[in-house]
C-alpha atoms as a PDB file:
ATOM      1  CA  MET A   1      33.404  68.964  86.491  1.00  0.00           C
ATOM      2  CA  GLY A   2      36.260  67.109  84.822  1.00  0.00           C
ATOM      3  CA  ASP A   3      34.920  63.606  85.456  1.00  0.00           C
ATOM      4  CA  SER A   4      35.472  60.932  82.830  1.00  0.00           C
ATOM      5  CA  PRO A   5      32.367  59.354  81.268  1.00  0.00           C
ATOM      6  CA  GLU A   6      34.145  55.989  80.895  1.00  0.00           C
ATOM      7  CA  GLY A   7      32.368  54.438  83.910  1.00  0.00           C
ATOM      8  CA  ILE A   8      28.990  54.781  82.187  1.00  0.00           C
ATOM      9  CA  ALA A   9      29.723  51.772  79.951  1.00  0.00           C
ATOM     10  CA  GLU A  10      29.913  49.568  83.059  1.00  0.00           C
ATOM     11  CA  VAL A  11      26.301  50.356  84.027  1.00  0.00           C
ATOM     12  CA  GLY A  12      24.905  48.159  81.251  1.00  0.00           C
ATOM     13  CA  ALA A  13      21.180  47.373  81.338  1.00  0.00           C
ATOM     14  CA  LYS A  14      20.640  49.644  84.345  1.00  0.00           C
ATOM     15  CA  LEU A  15      20.865  52.646  82.021  1.00  0.00           C
ATOM     16  CA  PHE A  16      17.361  53.233  80.650  1.00  0.00           C
ATOM     17  CA  PHE A  17      16.895  57.028  80.503  1.00  0.00           C
ATOM     18  CA  VAL A  18      19.358  59.792  79.612  1.00  0.00           C
ATOM     19  CA  GLN A  19      18.786  63.520  79.937  1.00  0.00           C
ATOM     20  CA  MET A  20      21.633  65.663  78.674  1.00  0.00           C
ATOM     21  CA  ALA A  21      22.403  69.351  79.039  1.00  0.00           C
ATOM     22  CA  ASP A  22      25.638  71.069  78.107  1.00  0.00           C
ATOM     23  CA  ALA A  23      27.301  73.973  79.921  1.00  0.00           C
ATOM     24  CA  PRO A  24      30.346  76.198  79.805  1.00  0.00           C
ATOM     25  CA  LEU A  25      33.200  75.011  82.002  1.00  0.00           C
ATOM     26  CA  MET A  26      33.111  77.270  85.049  1.00  0.00           C
ATOM     27  CA  GLY A  27      34.335  77.121  88.627  1.00  0.00           C
ATOM     28  CA  LEU A  28      30.907  77.105  90.296  1.00  0.00           C
ATOM     29  CA  ASN A  29      29.191  74.734  92.699  1.00  0.00           C
ATOM     30  CA  VAL A  30      27.059  72.125  90.955  1.00  0.00           C
ATOM     31  CA  ILE A  31      23.682  73.612  91.915  1.00  0.00           C
ATOM     32  CA  ASP A  32      24.440  77.133  90.629  1.00  0.00           C
ATOM     33  CA  TRP A  33      26.081  75.707  87.541  1.00  0.00           C
ATOM     34  CA  ALA A  34      23.141  73.418  86.713  1.00  0.00           C
ATOM     35  CA  TRP A  35      20.424  75.978  87.438  1.00  0.00           C
ATOM     36  CA  HIS A  36      21.893  79.025  85.712  1.00  0.00           C
ATOM     37  CA  HIS A  37      24.306  77.871  83.013  1.00  0.00           C
ATOM     38  CA  HIS A  38      22.825  74.896  81.156  1.00  0.00           C
ATOM     39  CA  ASN A  39      22.764  74.837  77.352  1.00  0.00           C
ATOM     40  CA  PHE A  40      21.527  72.510  74.654  1.00  0.00           C
ATOM     41  CA  PRO A  41      23.956  69.667  73.830  1.00  0.00           C
ATOM     42  CA  GLY A  42      26.762  71.003  71.654  1.00  0.00           C
ATOM     43  CA  GLN A  43      26.417  74.617  72.844  1.00  0.00           C
ATOM     44  CA  GLY A  44      28.727  74.294  75.852  1.00  0.00           C
ATOM     45  CA  GLN A  45      32.089  72.750  76.559  1.00  0.00           C
ATOM     46  CA  PHE A  46      31.210  69.243  77.780  1.00  0.00           C
ATOM     47  CA  ASP A  47      32.381  66.182  75.865  1.00  0.00           C
ATOM     48  CA  VAL A  48      28.864  65.413  74.636  1.00  0.00           C
ATOM     49  CA  VAL A  49      30.022  62.947  71.979  1.00  0.00           C
ATOM     50  CA  GLY A  50      32.214  61.060  74.458  1.00  0.00           C
ATOM     51  CA  PHE A  51      29.337  60.930  76.944  1.00  0.00           C
ATOM     52  CA  PHE A  52      26.912  59.449  74.424  1.00  0.00           C
ATOM     53  CA  GLU A  53      29.534  57.026  73.096  1.00  0.00           C
ATOM     54  CA  GLN A  54      29.794  55.574  76.594  1.00  0.00           C
ATOM     55  CA  CYS A  55      25.986  55.400  76.850  1.00  0.00           C
ATOM     56  CA  MET A  56      25.868  53.416  73.607  1.00  0.00           C
ATOM     57  CA  ARG A  57      28.615  51.065  74.872  1.00  0.00           C
ATOM     58  CA  ALA A  58      26.437  50.427  77.927  1.00  0.00           C
ATOM     59  CA  GLY A  59      23.647  49.264  75.600  1.00  0.00           C
ATOM     60  CA  TYR A  60      21.477  52.396  75.673  1.00  0.00           C
ATOM     61  CA  ARG A  61      19.271  52.731  72.630  1.00  0.00           C
END
């Protein structure tokens, strides 16, 4: 949706579980997009690496 993952690093110890799906960038509402167009990480157009980098900065292991 164009959001930056940079705020994830501020969550810190509150981040204890991560579930990730990728998707093509499309102009759909979130529900339709999530239900019908999810892919495995790396198969879509999300910044998967940037997302997980921020998770690691937050202390997620």
